[in-house]
């Protein structure tokens, strides 16, 4: 065995142990939270990587309804139409 191989294996094992420990100590992120964080707290990094709640929003030609694909759960999407005049979904 080459001495460099042993060192390389030791470094990989150390990096793996550090990564595993940091993942175990990492805070759990609440992906279900929809309220903003208070102004006195920093925005959690995970907030920038959340799945989009709305995608592909479209306003109808008369400007009375908005339609959008809404994330309703993991791998579940719904088309929702919102009436601007009556505020009904």
Protein backbone atom coordinates (compact mmCIF):
# COMPACT_ATOMS: atom_id res chain seq x y z
CA UNK A 1 0.00 0.00 0.00
CA UNK A 2 1.29 3.42 -0.90
CA UNK A 3 1.64 5.89 2.04
CA UNK A 4 -0.41 8.48 0.12
CA UNK A 5 -3.32 6.01 -0.13
CA UNK A 6 -3.43 5.59 3.64
CA UNK A 7 -3.42 9.35 4.18
CA UNK A 8 -6.08 9.82 1.56
CA UNK A 9 -8.31 7.19 3.20
CA UNK A 10 -7.78 8.85 6.60
CA UNK A 11 -8.73 12.25 5.24
CA UNK A 12 -11.86 10.82 3.57
CA UNK A 13 -12.89 9.09 6.79
CA UNK A 14 -12.39 12.30 8.78
CA UNK A 15 -14.39 14.36 6.27
CA UNK A 16 -17.18 11.79 6.30
CA UNK A 17 -17.30 11.83 10.11
CA UNK A 18 -17.40 15.64 10.19
CA UNK A 19 -20.14 15.80 7.56
CA UNK A 20 -22.22 13.18 9.36
CA UNK A 21 -21.84 14.99 12.68
CA UNK A 22 -22.79 18.34 11.18
CA UNK A 23 -25.88 16.84 9.52
CA UNK A 24 -26.98 15.28 12.79
CA UNK A 25 -26.54 18.61 14.59
CA UNK A 26 -28.23 20.66 11.86
CA UNK A 27 -31.54 22.24 12.83
CA UNK A 28 -34.69 20.73 11.39
CA UNK A 29 -36.39 22.98 8.85
CA UNK A 30 -40.13 23.48 8.87
CA UNK A 31 -41.07 23.35 5.19
CA UNK A 32 -44.76 23.54 6.09
CA UNK A 33 -44.39 27.01 7.66
CA UNK A 34 -46.16 29.66 5.60
CA UNK A 35 -45.88 32.65 7.93
CA UNK A 36 -42.86 34.90 7.51
CA UNK A 37 -40.18 34.95 10.16
CA UNK A 38 -40.28 37.96 12.51
CA UNK A 39 -38.31 41.01 11.42
CA UNK A 40 -35.99 40.53 14.39
CA UNK A 41 -34.82 37.08 13.15
CA UNK A 42 -32.69 36.29 10.12
CA UNK A 43 -34.37 34.55 7.18
CA UNK A 44 -33.48 30.83 7.32
CA UNK A 45 -31.41 29.70 4.35
CA UNK A 46 -33.89 26.88 3.69
CA UNK A 47 -36.58 29.48 2.89
CA UNK A 48 -34.75 30.21 -0.36
CA UNK A 49 -34.99 26.54 -1.42
CA UNK A 50 -38.63 25.82 -0.62
CA UNK A 51 -40.88 24.43 -3.32
CA UNK A 52 -42.94 27.14 -4.99
CA UNK A 53 -46.46 27.50 -3.68
CA UNK A 54 -47.72 29.05 -6.93
CA UNK A 55 -46.45 28.45 -10.43
CA UNK A 56 -47.55 29.54 -13.88
CA UNK A 57 -50.03 32.23 -12.75
CA UNK A 58 -52.20 33.59 -15.58
CA UNK A 59 -54.68 36.47 -15.61
CA UNK A 60 -57.70 35.96 -17.87
CA UNK A 61 -58.19 38.47 -20.73
CA UNK A 62 -60.95 40.41 -18.93
CA UNK A 63 -58.80 40.67 -15.77
CA UNK A 64 -61.36 39.11 -13.44
CA UNK A 65 -59.71 35.77 -12.59
CA UNK A 66 -56.24 34.47 -11.83
CA UNK A 67 -55.44 30.81 -12.47
CA UNK A 68 -52.32 29.12 -11.11
CA UNK A 69 -50.90 25.69 -10.40
CA UNK A 70 -50.71 25.32 -6.61
CA UNK A 71 -48.46 22.90 -4.72
CA UNK A 72 -50.79 20.89 -2.49
CA UNK A 73 -48.27 18.43 -1.10
CA UNK A 74 -45.35 16.31 -2.12
CA UNK A 75 -45.81 15.49 -5.82
CA UNK A 76 -49.36 16.86 -5.74
CA UNK A 77 -50.42 19.94 -7.69
CA UNK A 78 -53.81 21.52 -8.25
CA UNK A 79 -55.15 24.11 -10.66
CA UNK A 80 -56.87 26.88 -8.71
CA UNK A 81 -58.83 29.79 -10.08
CA UNK A 82 -59.26 32.90 -7.91
CA UNK A 83 -61.98 35.48 -8.62
CA UNK A 84 -60.67 38.99 -8.11
CA UNK A 85 -64.14 40.51 -7.78
CA UNK A 86 -65.62 38.09 -5.25
CA UNK A 87 -62.36 36.77 -3.71
CA UNK A 88 -63.55 33.18 -4.19
CA UNK A 89 -61.41 30.19 -5.12
